[in-house]
Every structure is written in structure tokens, then in C-alpha cells.
Amino acid sequence: MARIIGSYVVIALLGAIVALVGGGAHRSYGWVGLTLCVLLVGVASVFARTWRGFAGLGVLAGAWMLVTVPLAGEGPGGSALIAVDALGLGWVIGGSVAVVVAAFLPRSLLLGRDEAVRA
């Protein structure tokens, strides 16, 4: 039981780290930086779904959202880390789409044909 809970904690930490890195780096190299950050969300989402199924994907998505939403809000100085422009919206919407794409990937693609049949 402790291993299962530990795995969800690791997935939640991964989601928070991906959100922090992506929230800070999505504008670093323009559209290339945005694409790489959204790809990072996609890879983390596929990892979470492969490891713990839809529950793992939900934990990752929840942690990602809990960190991304405050970063997009206005800070005490009136600024926001995730601005409301094309890159900022691309980060928020692109990350969400990456999670949804990971949810719709076939199980046999994630686990392999033999493992999907046994599970």
C-alpha cells in the first residue's frame, strides 16, 4: 500500500515540477520553447498513464493545474509569469491538450500488445 501511495506522490511531484519548468521556460525560445514545454507535458502524461493508468494521469493533471493556474494569475506587483498572449495561451491550452491526447492513446500502445491483453 505504501508503494502505491508513494507512486502517486511521485507523479504529483512530477506534475508540479513540469508545471514550474514549463511555466517559466515556455517563452524562452519563442515557439520552439513553447513546443518543447508542451512536449514535456505530453511525455510526463504518457509516463503517468503507463505507470498508474487513468488515476495516475488524473493526479499528474491535477498537480499540473494546481501549479499552472496561480502562475497565470496576477501577482502582487501586477505581473504574471504566464501572460495572456499567444505563448501563454499556447502553454495552458497546449498542456491541456497534451494530457487529453495521453488519455486517448490506446492501451496496447502504452503497455505493448501482450501486456494489454494480460491486464
PDB file of N, CA and C in Angstrom:
ATOM      1  N   MET A   1       0.816  -1.191   0.000  1.00  0.00           N
ATOM      2  CA  MET A   1       0.000   0.000   0.000  1.00  0.00           C
ATOM      3  C   MET A   1       0.866   1.264   0.000  1.00  0.00           C
ATOM      4  N   ALA A   2       1.965   1.220   0.739  1.00  0.00           N
ATOM      5  CA  ALA A   2       2.854   2.383   0.794  1.00  0.00           C
ATOM      6  C   ALA A   2       3.494   2.648  -0.564  1.00  0.00           C
ATOM      7  N   ARG A   3       3.786   1.575  -1.326  1.00  0.00           N
ATOM      8  CA  ARG A   3       4.363   1.766  -2.663  1.00  0.00           C
ATOM      9  C   ARG A   3       3.375   2.433  -3.603  1.00  0.00           C
ATOM     10  N   ILE A   4       2.115   2.085  -3.476  1.00  0.00           N
ATOM     11  CA  ILE A   4       1.098   2.687  -4.345  1.00  0.00           C
ATOM     12  C   ILE A   4       0.941   4.171  -4.014  1.00  0.00           C
ATOM     13  N   ILE A   5       0.836   4.483  -2.736  1.00  0.00           N
ATOM     14  CA  ILE A   5       0.713   5.884  -2.325  1.00  0.00           C
ATOM     15  C   ILE A   5       1.961   6.657  -2.718  1.00  0.00           C
ATOM     16  N   GLY A   6       3.129   6.043  -2.530  1.00  0.00           N
ATOM     17  CA  GLY A   6       4.380   6.687  -2.920  1.00  0.00           C
ATOM     18  C   GLY A   6       4.441   6.984  -4.406  1.00  0.00           C
ATOM     19  N   SER A   7       3.917   6.063  -5.216  1.00  0.00           N
ATOM     20  CA  SER A   7       3.942   6.296  -6.660  1.00  0.00           C
ATOM     21  C   SER A   7       3.058   7.477  -7.047  1.00  0.00           C
ATOM     22  N   TYR A   8       1.917   7.629  -6.374  1.00  0.00           N
ATOM     23  CA  TYR A   8       1.063   8.784  -6.663  1.00  0.00           C
ATOM     24  C   TYR A   8       1.702  10.090  -6.192  1.00  0.00           C
ATOM     25  N   VAL A   9       2.431  10.040  -5.097  1.00  0.00           N
ATOM     26  CA  VAL A   9       3.145  11.225  -4.626  1.00  0.00           C
ATOM     27  C   VAL A   9       4.222  11.628  -5.637  1.00  0.00           C
ATOM     28  N   VAL A  10       4.936  10.626  -6.172  1.00  0.00           N
ATOM     29  CA  VAL A  10       5.965  10.904  -7.179  1.00  0.00           C
ATOM     30  C   VAL A  10       5.331  11.508  -8.433  1.00  0.00           C
ATOM     31  N   ILE A  11       4.204  10.974  -8.850  1.00  0.00           N
ATOM     32  CA  ILE A  11       3.525  11.504 -10.034  1.00  0.00           C
ATOM     33  C   ILE A  11       3.046  12.936  -9.782  1.00  0.00           C
ATOM     34  N   ALA A  12       2.538  13.216  -8.573  1.00  0.00           N
ATOM     35  CA  ALA A  12       2.106  14.583  -8.252  1.00  0.00           C
ATOM     36  C   ALA A  12       3.294  15.542  -8.259  1.00  0.00           C
ATOM     37  N   LEU A  13       4.415  15.115  -7.705  1.00  0.00           N
ATOM     38  CA  LEU A  13       5.619  15.958  -7.734  1.00  0.00           C
ATOM     39  C   LEU A  13       6.087  16.185  -9.163  1.00  0.00           C
ATOM     40  N   LEU A  14       6.007  15.154 -10.002  1.00  0.00           N
ATOM     41  CA  LEU A  14       6.376  15.298 -11.403  1.00  0.00           C
ATOM     42  C   LEU A  14       5.482  16.327 -12.091  1.00  0.00           C
ATOM     43  N   GLY A  15       4.187  16.265 -11.838  1.00  0.00           N
ATOM     44  CA  GLY A  15       3.268  17.235 -12.431  1.00  0.00           C
ATOM     45  C   GLY A  15       3.579  18.658 -11.986  1.00  0.00           C
ATOM     46  N   ALA A  16       3.903  18.831 -10.712  1.00  0.00           N
ATOM     47  CA  ALA A  16       4.234  20.166 -10.207  1.00  0.00           C
ATOM     48  C   ALA A  16       5.540  20.674 -10.805  1.00  0.00           C
ATOM     49  N   ILE A  17       6.529  19.801 -10.918  1.00  0.00           N
ATOM     50  CA  ILE A  17       7.816  20.210 -11.496  1.00  0.00           C
ATOM     51  C   ILE A  17       7.660  20.564 -12.970  1.00  0.00           C
ATOM     52  N   VAL A  18       6.903  19.762 -13.705  1.00  0.00           N
ATOM     53  CA  VAL A  18       6.664  20.052 -15.127  1.00  0.00           C
ATOM     54  C   VAL A  18       5.963  21.397 -15.274  1.00  0.00           C
ATOM     55  N   ALA A  19       5.001  21.689 -14.404  1.00  0.00           N
ATOM     56  CA  ALA A  19       4.292  22.968 -14.476  1.00  0.00           C
ATOM     57  C   ALA A  19       5.216  24.134 -14.153  1.00  0.00           C
ATOM     58  N   LEU A  20       6.079  23.968 -13.164  1.00  0.00           N
ATOM     59  CA  LEU A  20       7.010  25.045 -12.816  1.00  0.00           C
ATOM     60  C   LEU A  20       8.027  25.287 -13.924  1.00  0.00           C
ATOM     61  N   VAL A  21       8.587  24.206 -14.454  1.00  0.00           N
ATOM     62  CA  VAL A  21       9.577  24.353 -15.534  1.00  0.00           C
ATOM     63  C   VAL A  21       8.917  24.936 -16.777  1.00  0.00           C
ATOM     64  N   GLY A  22       7.789  24.395 -17.156  1.00  0.00           N
ATOM     65  CA  GLY A  22       7.096  24.892 -18.344  1.00  0.00           C
ATOM     66  C   GLY A  22       6.576  26.302 -18.181  1.00  0.00           C
ATOM     67  N   GLY A  23       6.070  26.629 -16.985  1.00  0.00           N
ATOM     68  CA  GLY A  23       5.576  27.975 -16.735  1.00  0.00           C
ATOM     69  C   GLY A  23       6.672  29.027 -16.832  1.00  0.00           C
ATOM     70  N   GLY A  24       7.870  28.640 -16.465  1.00  0.00           N
ATOM     71  CA  GLY A  24       8.975  29.581 -16.546  1.00  0.00           C
ATOM     72  C   GLY A  24       9.704  29.583 -17.867  1.00  0.00           C
ATOM     73  N   ALA A  25       9.695  28.448 -18.565  1.00  0.00           N
ATOM     74  CA  ALA A  25      10.519  28.310 -19.767  1.00  0.00           C
ATOM     75  C   ALA A  25       9.739  28.330 -21.075  1.00  0.00           C
ATOM     76  N   HIS A  26       8.415  28.401 -21.035  1.00  0.00           N
ATOM     77  CA  HIS A  26       7.658  28.300 -22.281  1.00  0.00           C
ATOM     78  C   HIS A  26       7.914  29.480 -23.222  1.00  0.00           C
ATOM     79  N   ARG A  27       8.397  30.603 -22.713  1.00  0.00           N
ATOM     80  CA  ARG A  27       8.692  31.734 -23.593  1.00  0.00           C
ATOM     81  C   ARG A  27      10.173  31.869 -23.904  1.00  0.00           C
ATOM     82  N   SER A  28      10.986  30.923 -23.460  1.00  0.00           N
ATOM     83  CA  SER A  28      12.438  31.089 -23.545  1.00  0.00           C
ATOM     84  C   SER A  28      12.950  31.194 -24.979  1.00  0.00           C
ATOM     85  N   TYR A  29      12.476  30.377 -25.871  1.00  0.00           N
ATOM     86  CA  TYR A  29      12.950  30.397 -27.259  1.00  0.00           C
ATOM     87  C   TYR A  29      11.785  30.562 -28.228  1.00  0.00           C
ATOM     88  N   GLY A  30      10.818  31.342 -27.839  1.00  0.00           N
ATOM     89  CA  GLY A  30       9.673  31.580 -28.713  1.00  0.00           C
ATOM     90  C   GLY A  30       8.840  30.323 -28.895  1.00  0.00           C
ATOM     91  N   TRP A  31       8.462  30.061 -30.127  1.00  0.00           N
ATOM     92  CA  TRP A  31       7.599  28.918 -30.418  1.00  0.00           C
ATOM     93  C   TRP A  31       8.305  27.590 -30.216  1.00  0.00           C
ATOM     94  N   VAL A  32       9.618  27.574 -30.378  1.00  0.00           N
ATOM     95  CA  VAL A  32      10.371  26.331 -30.141  1.00  0.00           C
ATOM     96  C   VAL A  32      10.330  25.983 -28.656  1.00  0.00           C
ATOM     97  N   GLY A  33      10.523  26.971 -27.797  1.00  0.00           N
ATOM     98  CA  GLY A  33      10.448  26.741 -26.358  1.00  0.00           C
ATOM     99  C   GLY A  33       9.068  26.289 -25.926  1.00  0.00           C
ATOM    100  N   LEU A  34       8.041  26.908 -26.484  1.00  0.00           N
ATOM    101  CA  LEU A  34       6.670  26.508 -26.178  1.00  0.00           C
ATOM    102  C   LEU A  34       6.426  25.069 -26.601  1.00  0.00           C
ATOM    103  N   THR A  35       6.860  24.722 -27.793  1.00  0.00           N
ATOM    104  CA  THR A  35       6.660  23.358 -28.291  1.00  0.00           C
ATOM    105  C   THR A  35       7.375  22.337 -27.407  1.00  0.00           C
ATOM    106  N   LEU A  36       8.586  22.644 -26.998  1.00  0.00           N
ATOM    107  CA  LEU A  36       9.327  21.723 -26.135  1.00  0.00           C
ATOM    108  C   LEU A  36       8.664  21.577 -24.768  1.00  0.00           C
ATOM    109  N   CYS A  37       8.128  22.665 -24.235  1.00  0.00           N
ATOM    110  CA  CYS A  37       7.458  22.590 -22.935  1.00  0.00           C
ATOM    111  C   CYS A  37       6.154  21.800 -23.017  1.00  0.00           C
ATOM    112  N   VAL A  38       5.398  21.979 -24.089  1.00  0.00           N
ATOM    113  CA  VAL A  38       4.175  21.194 -24.264  1.00  0.00           C
ATOM    114  C   VAL A  38       4.527  19.728 -24.482  1.00  0.00           C
ATOM    115  N   LEU A  39       5.594  19.467 -25.194  1.00  0.00           N
ATOM    116  CA  LEU A  39       6.064  18.091 -25.373  1.00  0.00           C
ATOM    117  C   LEU A  39       6.457  17.472 -24.029  1.00  0.00           C
ATOM    118  N   LEU A  40       7.033  18.269 -23.142  1.00  0.00           N
ATOM    119  CA  LEU A  40       7.375  17.797 -21.803  1.00  0.00           C
ATOM    120  C   LEU A  40       6.122  17.375 -21.040  1.00  0.00           C
ATOM    121  N   VAL A  41       5.059  18.134 -21.152  1.00  0.00           N
ATOM    122  CA  VAL A  41       3.794  17.763 -20.514  1.00  0.00           C
ATOM    123  C   VAL A  41       3.274  16.458 -21.105  1.00  0.00           C
ATOM    124  N   GLY A  42       3.393  16.315 -22.424  1.00  0.00           N
ATOM    125  CA  GLY A  42       2.930  15.091 -23.071  1.00  0.00           C
ATOM    126  C   GLY A  42       3.706  13.869 -22.624  1.00  0.00           C
ATOM    127  N   VAL A  43       5.009  13.990 -22.532  1.00  0.00           N
ATOM    128  CA  VAL A  43       5.840  12.859 -22.097  1.00  0.00           C
ATOM    129  C   VAL A  43       5.524  12.490 -20.650  1.00  0.00           C
ATOM    130  N   ALA A  44       5.378  13.489 -19.781  1.00  0.00           N
ATOM    131  CA  ALA A  44       5.042  13.216 -18.385  1.00  0.00           C
ATOM    132  C   ALA A  44       3.656  12.582 -18.274  1.00  0.00           C
ATOM    133  N   SER A  45       2.724  13.006 -19.120  1.00  0.00           N
ATOM    134  CA  SER A  45       1.373  12.438 -19.097  1.00  0.00           C
ATOM    135  C   SER A  45       1.376  10.981 -19.536  1.00  0.00           C
ATOM    136  N   VAL A  46       2.113  10.684 -20.577  1.00  0.00           N
ATOM    137  CA  VAL A  46       2.208   9.294 -21.035  1.00  0.00           C
ATOM    138  C   VAL A  46       2.878   8.426 -19.963  1.00  0.00           C
ATOM    139  N   PHE A  47       3.910   8.962 -19.320  1.00  0.00           N
ATOM    140  CA  PHE A  47       4.576   8.235 -18.243  1.00  0.00           C
ATOM    141  C   PHE A  47       3.603   7.920 -17.111  1.00  0.00           C
ATOM    142  N   ALA A  48       2.846   8.924 -16.672  1.00  0.00           N
ATOM    143  CA  ALA A  48       1.910   8.732 -15.564  1.00  0.00           C
ATOM    144  C   ALA A  48       0.819   7.732 -15.927  1.00  0.00           C
ATOM    145  N   ARG A  49       0.318   7.811 -17.138  1.00  0.00           N
ATOM    146  CA  ARG A  49      -0.742   6.876 -17.545  1.00  0.00           C
ATOM    147  C   ARG A  49      -0.200   5.459 -17.685  1.00  0.00           C
ATOM    148  N   THR A  50       1.022   5.324 -18.184  1.00  0.00           N
ATOM    149  CA  THR A  50       1.606   3.995 -18.323  1.00  0.00           C
ATOM    150  C   THR A  50       1.871   3.385 -16.952  1.00  0.00           C
ATOM    151  N   TRP A  51       2.307   4.187 -16.002  1.00  0.00           N
ATOM    152  CA  TRP A  51       2.669   3.670 -14.693  1.00  0.00           C
ATOM    153  C   TRP A  51       1.447   3.354 -13.839  1.00  0.00           C
ATOM    154  N   ARG A  52       0.478   4.269 -13.769  1.00  0.00           N
ATOM    155  CA  ARG A  52      -0.655   4.101 -12.861  1.00  0.00           C
ATOM    156  C   ARG A  52      -2.016   4.254 -13.530  1.00  0.00           C
ATOM    157  N   GLY A  53      -2.073   4.196 -14.841  1.00  0.00           N
ATOM    158  CA  GLY A  53      -3.352   4.246 -15.541  1.00  0.00           C
ATOM    159  C   GLY A  53      -3.985   5.631 -15.485  1.00  0.00           C
ATOM    160  N   PHE A  54      -5.305   5.629 -15.583  1.00  0.00           N
ATOM    161  CA  PHE A  54      -6.020   6.905 -15.616  1.00  0.00           C
ATOM    162  C   PHE A  54      -5.946   7.641 -14.282  1.00  0.00           C
ATOM    163  N   ALA A  55      -5.821   6.907 -13.182  1.00  0.00           N
ATOM    164  CA  ALA A  55      -5.679   7.567 -11.882  1.00  0.00           C
ATOM    165  C   ALA A  55      -4.363   8.344 -11.823  1.00  0.00           C
ATOM    166  N   GLY A  56      -3.298   7.753 -12.323  1.00  0.00           N
ATOM    167  CA  GLY A  56      -2.015   8.442 -12.362  1.00  0.00           C
ATOM    168  C   GLY A  56      -2.062   9.660 -13.257  1.00  0.00           C
ATOM    169  N   LEU A  57      -2.735   9.527 -14.393  1.00  0.00           N
ATOM    170  CA  LEU A  57      -2.880  10.665 -15.299  1.00  0.00           C
ATOM    171  C   LEU A  57      -3.686  11.779 -14.640  1.00  0.00           C
ATOM    172  N   GLY A  58      -4.713  11.413 -13.894  1.00  0.00           N
ATOM    173  CA  GLY A  58      -5.515  12.412 -13.186  1.00  0.00           C
ATOM    174  C   GLY A  58      -4.721  13.130 -12.104  1.00  0.00           C
ATOM    175  N   VAL A  59      -3.873  12.389 -11.399  1.00  0.00           N
ATOM    176  CA  VAL A  59      -3.034  13.009 -10.366  1.00  0.00           C
ATOM    177  C   VAL A  59      -2.051  13.981 -11.009  1.00  0.00           C
ATOM    178  N   LEU A  60      -1.424  13.562 -12.103  1.00  0.00           N
ATOM    179  CA  LEU A  60      -0.483  14.447 -12.800  1.00  0.00           C
ATOM    180  C   LEU A  60      -1.194  15.693 -13.310  1.00  0.00           C
ATOM    181  N   ALA A  61      -2.350  15.513 -13.938  1.00  0.00           N
ATOM    182  CA  ALA A  61      -3.091  16.658 -14.477  1.00  0.00           C
ATOM    183  C   ALA A  61      -3.540  17.596 -13.362  1.00  0.00           C
ATOM    184  N   GLY A  62      -3.960  17.052 -12.242  1.00  0.00           N
ATOM    185  CA  GLY A  62      -4.378  17.889 -11.124  1.00  0.00           C
ATOM    186  C   GLY A  62      -3.227  18.697 -10.550  1.00  0.00           C
ATOM    187  N   ALA A  63      -2.083  18.053 -10.380  1.00  0.00           N
ATOM    188  CA  ALA A  63      -0.907  18.763  -9.866  1.00  0.00           C
ATOM    189  C   ALA A  63      -0.447  19.823 -10.854  1.00  0.00           C
ATOM    190  N   TRP A  64      -0.465  19.491 -12.147  1.00  0.00           N
ATOM    191  CA  TRP A  64      -0.075  20.453 -13.185  1.00  0.00           C
ATOM    192  C   TRP A  64      -0.990  21.675 -13.135  1.00  0.00           C
ATOM    193  N   MET A  65      -2.284  21.419 -12.998  1.00  0.00           N
ATOM    194  CA  MET A  65      -3.251  22.516 -12.969  1.00  0.00           C
ATOM    195  C   MET A  65      -3.097  23.353 -11.704  1.00  0.00           C
ATOM    196  N   LEU A  66      -2.883  22.711 -10.552  1.00  0.00           N
ATOM    197  CA  LEU A  66      -2.760  23.446  -9.291  1.00  0.00           C
ATOM    198  C   LEU A  66      -1.553  24.380  -9.270  1.00  0.00           C
ATOM    199  N   VAL A  67      -0.539  24.076 -10.062  1.00  0.00           N
ATOM    200  CA  VAL A  67       0.624  24.957 -10.138  1.00  0.00           C
ATOM    201  C   VAL A  67       0.470  25.967 -11.270  1.00  0.00           C
ATOM    202  N   THR A  68      -0.091  25.564 -12.390  1.00  0.00           N
ATOM    203  CA  THR A  68      -0.199  26.441 -13.560  1.00  0.00           C
ATOM    204  C   THR A  68      -1.187  27.582 -13.340  1.00  0.00           C
ATOM    205  N   VAL A  69      -2.307  27.317 -12.718  1.00  0.00           N
ATOM    206  CA  VAL A  69      -3.332  28.359 -12.542  1.00  0.00           C
ATOM    207  C   VAL A  69      -2.812  29.536 -11.722  1.00  0.00           C
ATOM    208  N   PRO A  70      -2.160  29.327 -10.569  1.00  0.00           N
ATOM    209  CA  PRO A  70      -1.626  30.502  -9.858  1.00  0.00           C
ATOM    210  C   PRO A  70      -0.528  31.238 -10.631  1.00  0.00           C
ATOM    211  N   LEU A  71       0.256  30.510 -11.424  1.00  0.00           N
ATOM    212  CA  LEU A  71       1.292  31.174 -12.214  1.00  0.00           C
ATOM    213  C   LEU A  71       0.689  32.073 -13.289  1.00  0.00           C
ATOM    214  N   ALA A  72      -0.516  31.749 -13.737  1.00  0.00           N
ATOM    215  CA  ALA A  72      -1.183  32.555 -14.754  1.00  0.00           C
ATOM    216  C   ALA A  72      -1.925  33.745 -14.145  1.00  0.00           C
ATOM    217  N   GLY A  73      -2.102  33.725 -12.836  1.00  0.00           N
ATOM    218  CA  GLY A  73      -2.795  34.833 -12.180  1.00  0.00           C
ATOM    219  C   GLY A  73      -1.880  36.026 -11.961  1.00  0.00           C
ATOM    220  N   GLU A  74      -2.485  37.124 -11.619  1.00  0.00           N
ATOM    221  CA  GLU A  74      -1.733  38.359 -11.392  1.00  0.00           C
ATOM    222  C   GLU A  74      -1.062  38.308 -10.024  1.00  0.00           C
ATOM    223  N   GLY A  75       0.207  38.608 -10.002  1.00  0.00           N
ATOM    224  CA  GLY A  75       0.968  38.603  -8.766  1.00  0.00           C
ATOM    225  C   GLY A  75       0.801  39.893  -7.992  1.00  0.00           C
ATOM    226  N   PRO A  76       1.456  40.012  -6.834  1.00  0.00           N
ATOM    227  CA  PRO A  76       1.309  41.208  -6.007  1.00  0.00           C
ATOM    228  C   PRO A  76       1.819  42.476  -6.687  1.00  0.00           C
ATOM    229  N   GLY A  77       2.764  42.347  -7.589  1.00  0.00           N
ATOM    230  CA  GLY A  77       3.284  43.516  -8.296  1.00  0.00           C
ATOM    231  C   GLY A  77       2.518  43.836  -9.561  1.00  0.00           C
ATOM    232  N   GLY A  78       1.473  43.059  -9.844  1.00  0.00           N
ATOM    233  CA  GLY A  78       0.670  43.305 -11.031  1.00  0.00           C
ATOM    234  C   GLY A  78       1.141  42.546 -12.256  1.00  0.00           C
ATOM    235  N   SER A  79       2.147  41.684 -12.114  1.00  0.00           N
ATOM    236  CA  SER A  79       2.643  40.941 -13.265  1.00  0.00           C
ATOM    237  C   SER A  79       2.232  39.474 -13.152  1.00  0.00           C
ATOM    238  N   ALA A  80       2.369  38.761 -14.251  1.00  0.00           N
ATOM    239  CA  ALA A  80       2.047  37.337 -14.288  1.00  0.00           C
ATOM    240  C   ALA A  80       3.169  36.600 -15.001  1.00  0.00           C
ATOM    241  N   LEU A  81       3.494  35.413 -14.515  1.00  0.00           N
ATOM    242  CA  LEU A  81       4.539  34.631 -15.158  1.00  0.00           C
ATOM    243  C   LEU A  81       4.043  34.071 -16.490  1.00  0.00           C
ATOM    244  N   ILE A  82       2.791  33.668 -16.520  1.00  0.00           N
ATOM    245  CA  ILE A  82       2.182  33.185 -17.766  1.00  0.00           C
ATOM    246  C   ILE A  82       1.260  34.300 -18.261  1.00  0.00           C
ATOM    247  N   ALA A  83       1.731  35.061 -19.234  1.00  0.00           N
ATOM    248  CA  ALA A  83       0.988  36.209 -19.737  1.00  0.00           C
ATOM    249  C   ALA A  83      -0.168  35.759 -20.635  1.00  0.00           C
ATOM    250  N   VAL A  84      -1.150  36.633 -20.779  1.00  0.00           N
ATOM    251  CA  VAL A  84      -2.284  36.362 -21.662  1.00  0.00           C
ATOM    252  C   VAL A  84      -1.914  36.859 -23.050  1.00  0.00           C
ATOM    253  N   ASP A  85      -1.119  36.044 -23.734  1.00  0.00           N
ATOM    254  CA  ASP A  85      -0.741  36.314 -25.123  1.00  0.00           C
ATOM    255  C   ASP A  85      -0.671  34.967 -25.831  1.00  0.00           C
ATOM    256  N   ALA A  86      -0.174  34.953 -27.040  1.00  0.00           N
ATOM    257  CA  ALA A  86      -0.172  33.715 -27.820  1.00  0.00           C
ATOM    258  C   ALA A  86       0.665  32.620 -27.153  1.00  0.00           C
ATOM    259  N   LEU A  87       1.822  32.972 -26.614  1.00  0.00           N
ATOM    260  CA  LEU A  87       2.662  31.966 -25.973  1.00  0.00           C
ATOM    261  C   LEU A  87       2.052  31.468 -24.666  1.00  0.00           C
ATOM    262  N   GLY A  88       1.502  32.364 -23.878  1.00  0.00           N
ATOM    263  CA  GLY A  88       0.879  31.965 -22.618  1.00  0.00           C
ATOM    264  C   GLY A  88      -0.335  31.078 -22.833  1.00  0.00           C
ATOM    265  N   LEU A  89      -1.182  31.475 -23.761  1.00  0.00           N
ATOM    266  CA  LEU A  89      -2.343  30.647 -24.071  1.00  0.00           C
ATOM    267  C   LEU A  89      -1.922  29.323 -24.704  1.00  0.00           C
ATOM    268  N   GLY A  90      -0.869  29.371 -25.513  1.00  0.00           N
ATOM    269  CA  GLY A  90      -0.345  28.133 -26.096  1.00  0.00           C
ATOM    270  C   GLY A  90       0.138  27.173 -25.030  1.00  0.00           C
ATOM    271  N   TRP A  91       0.750  27.705 -23.962  1.00  0.00           N
ATOM    272  CA  TRP A  91       1.219  26.858 -22.868  1.00  0.00           C
ATOM    273  C   TRP A  91       0.046  26.219 -22.117  1.00  0.00           C
ATOM    274  N   VAL A  92      -0.939  27.014 -21.758  1.00  0.00           N
ATOM    275  CA  VAL A  92      -2.061  26.496 -20.977  1.00  0.00           C
ATOM    276  C   VAL A  92      -2.912  25.537 -21.815  1.00  0.00           C
ATOM    277  N   ILE A  93      -3.276  25.959 -23.015  1.00  0.00           N
ATOM    278  CA  ILE A  93      -4.128  25.115 -23.866  1.00  0.00           C
ATOM    279  C   ILE A  93      -3.341  23.923 -24.396  1.00  0.00           C
ATOM    280  N   GLY A  94      -2.099  24.149 -24.810  1.00  0.00           N
ATOM    281  CA  GLY A  94      -1.281  23.050 -25.326  1.00  0.00           C
ATOM    282  C   GLY A  94      -1.003  21.994 -24.275  1.00  0.00           C
ATOM    283  N   GLY A  95      -0.739  22.410 -23.037  1.00  0.00           N
ATOM    284  CA  GLY A  95      -0.532  21.439 -21.966  1.00  0.00           C
ATOM    285  C   GLY A  95      -1.784  20.633 -21.687  1.00  0.00           C
ATOM    286  N   SER A  96      -2.928  21.296 -21.711  1.00  0.00           N
ATOM    287  CA  SER A  96      -4.200  20.593 -21.506  1.00  0.00           C
ATOM    288  C   SER A  96      -4.465  19.593 -22.622  1.00  0.00           C
ATOM    289  N   VAL A  97      -4.193  20.006 -23.850  1.00  0.00           N
ATOM    290  CA  VAL A  97      -4.387  19.102 -24.994  1.00  0.00           C
ATOM    291  C   VAL A  97      -3.430  17.911 -24.899  1.00  0.00           C
ATOM    292  N   ALA A  98      -2.212  18.131 -24.431  1.00  0.00           N
ATOM    293  CA  ALA A  98      -1.249  17.035 -24.285  1.00  0.00           C
ATOM    294  C   ALA A  98      -1.752  15.992 -23.293  1.00  0.00           C
ATOM    295  N   VAL A  99      -2.380  16.435 -22.208  1.00  0.00           N
ATOM    296  CA  VAL A  99      -2.938  15.497 -21.229  1.00  0.00           C
ATOM    297  C   VAL A  99      -4.098  14.714 -21.844  1.00  0.00           C
ATOM    298  N   VAL A 100      -4.952  15.406 -22.592  1.00  0.00           N
ATOM    299  CA  VAL A 100      -6.096  14.737 -23.217  1.00  0.00           C
ATOM    300  C   VAL A 100      -5.620  13.724 -24.265  1.00  0.00           C
ATOM    301  N   VAL A 101      -4.610  14.077 -25.032  1.00  0.00           N
ATOM    302  CA  VAL A 101      -4.068  13.137 -26.027  1.00  0.00           C
ATOM    303  C   VAL A 101      -3.526  11.890 -25.330  1.00  0.00           C
ATOM    304  N   ALA A 102      -2.839  12.064 -24.212  1.00  0.00           N
ATOM    305  CA  ALA A 102      -2.330  10.913 -23.466  1.00  0.00           C
ATOM    306  C   ALA A 102      -3.472  10.038 -22.954  1.00  0.00           C
ATOM    307  N   ALA A 103      -4.599  10.651 -22.629  1.00  0.00           N
ATOM    308  CA  ALA A 103      -5.747   9.879 -22.158  1.00  0.00           C
ATOM    309  C   ALA A 103      -6.362   9.030 -23.260  1.00  0.00           C
ATOM    310  N   PHE A 104      -6.267   9.483 -24.507  1.00  0.00           N
ATOM    311  CA  PHE A 104      -6.882   8.761 -25.608  1.00  0.00           C
ATOM    312  C   PHE A 104      -5.938   7.805 -26.336  1.00  0.00           C
ATOM    313  N   LEU A 105      -4.692   7.719 -25.900  1.00  0.00           N
ATOM    314  CA  LEU A 105      -3.776   6.761 -26.532  1.00  0.00           C
ATOM    315  C   LEU A 105      -4.233   5.341 -26.227  1.00  0.00           C
ATOM    316  N   PRO A 106      -4.139   4.452 -27.205  1.00  0.00           N
ATOM    317  CA  PRO A 106      -4.560   3.072 -26.962  1.00  0.00           C
ATOM    318  C   PRO A 106      -3.678   2.395 -25.918  1.00  0.00           C
ATOM    319  N   ARG A 107      -4.303   1.570 -25.097  1.00  0.00           N
ATOM    320  CA  ARG A 107      -3.581   0.874 -24.037  1.00  0.00           C
ATOM    321  C   ARG A 107      -2.496  -0.038 -24.590  1.00  0.00           C
ATOM    322  N   SER A 108      -2.761  -0.654 -25.731  1.00  0.00           N
ATOM    323  CA  SER A 108      -1.762  -1.553 -26.324  1.00  0.00           C
ATOM    324  C   SER A 108      -0.514  -0.797 -26.778  1.00  0.00           C
ATOM    325  N   LEU A 109      -0.663   0.478 -27.124  1.00  0.00           N
ATOM    326  CA  LEU A 109       0.491   1.289 -27.500  1.00  0.00           C
ATOM    327  C   LEU A 109       1.363   1.593 -26.284  1.00  0.00           C
ATOM    328  N   LEU A 110       0.735   1.798 -25.140  1.00  0.00           N
ATOM    329  CA  LEU A 110       1.472   2.141 -23.928  1.00  0.00           C
ATOM    330  C   LEU A 110       2.119   0.923 -23.281  1.00  0.00           C
ATOM    331  N   LEU A 111       1.402  -0.176 -23.205  1.00  0.00           N
ATOM    332  CA  LEU A 111       1.886  -1.344 -22.488  1.00  0.00           C
ATOM    333  C   LEU A 111       2.472  -2.427 -23.390  1.00  0.00           C
ATOM    334  N   GLY A 112       2.238  -2.344 -24.659  1.00  0.00           N
ATOM    335  CA  GLY A 112       2.617  -3.419 -25.565  1.00  0.00           C
ATOM    336  C   GLY A 112       1.428  -4.367 -25.728  1.00  0.00           C
ATOM    337  N   ARG A 113       1.345  -5.001 -26.833  1.00  0.00           N
ATOM    338  CA  ARG A 113       0.184  -5.834 -27.139  1.00  0.00           C
ATOM    339  C   ARG A 113       0.002  -6.972 -26.124  1.00  0.00           C
ATOM    340  N   ASP A 114       1.062  -7.662 -25.743  1.00  0.00           N
ATOM    341  CA  ASP A 114       0.937  -8.799 -24.824  1.00  0.00           C
ATOM    342  C   ASP A 114       0.511  -8.363 -23.424  1.00  0.00           C
ATOM    343  N   GLU A 115       1.087  -7.273 -22.922  1.00  0.00           N
ATOM    344  CA  GLU A 115       0.737  -6.777 -21.587  1.00  0.00           C
ATOM    345  C   GLU A 115      -0.692  -6.270 -21.539  1.00  0.00           C
ATOM    346  N   ALA A 116      -1.165  -5.635 -22.602  1.00  0.00           N
ATOM    347  CA  ALA A 116      -2.518  -5.101 -22.617  1.00  0.00           C
ATOM    348  C   ALA A 116      -3.545  -6.218 -22.578  1.00  0.00           C
ATOM    349  N   VAL A 117      -3.225  -7.350 -23.198  1.00  0.00           N
ATOM    350  CA  VAL A 117      -4.149  -8.482 -23.203  1.00  0.00           C
ATOM    351  C   VAL A 117      -4.202  -9.125 -21.811  1.00  0.00           C
ATOM    352  N   ARG A 118      -3.044  -9.231 -21.136  1.00  0.00           N
ATOM    353  CA  ARG A 118      -2.998  -9.843 -19.810  1.00  0.00           C
ATOM    354  C   ARG A 118      -3.621  -8.972 -18.735  1.00  0.00           C
ATOM    355  N   ALA A 119      -3.554  -7.678 -18.876  1.00  0.00           N
ATOM    356  CA  ALA A 119      -4.012  -6.770 -17.801  1.00  0.00           C
ATOM    357  C   ALA A 119      -5.498  -6.631 -17.749  1.00  0.00           C
TER     358      ALA A 119
END
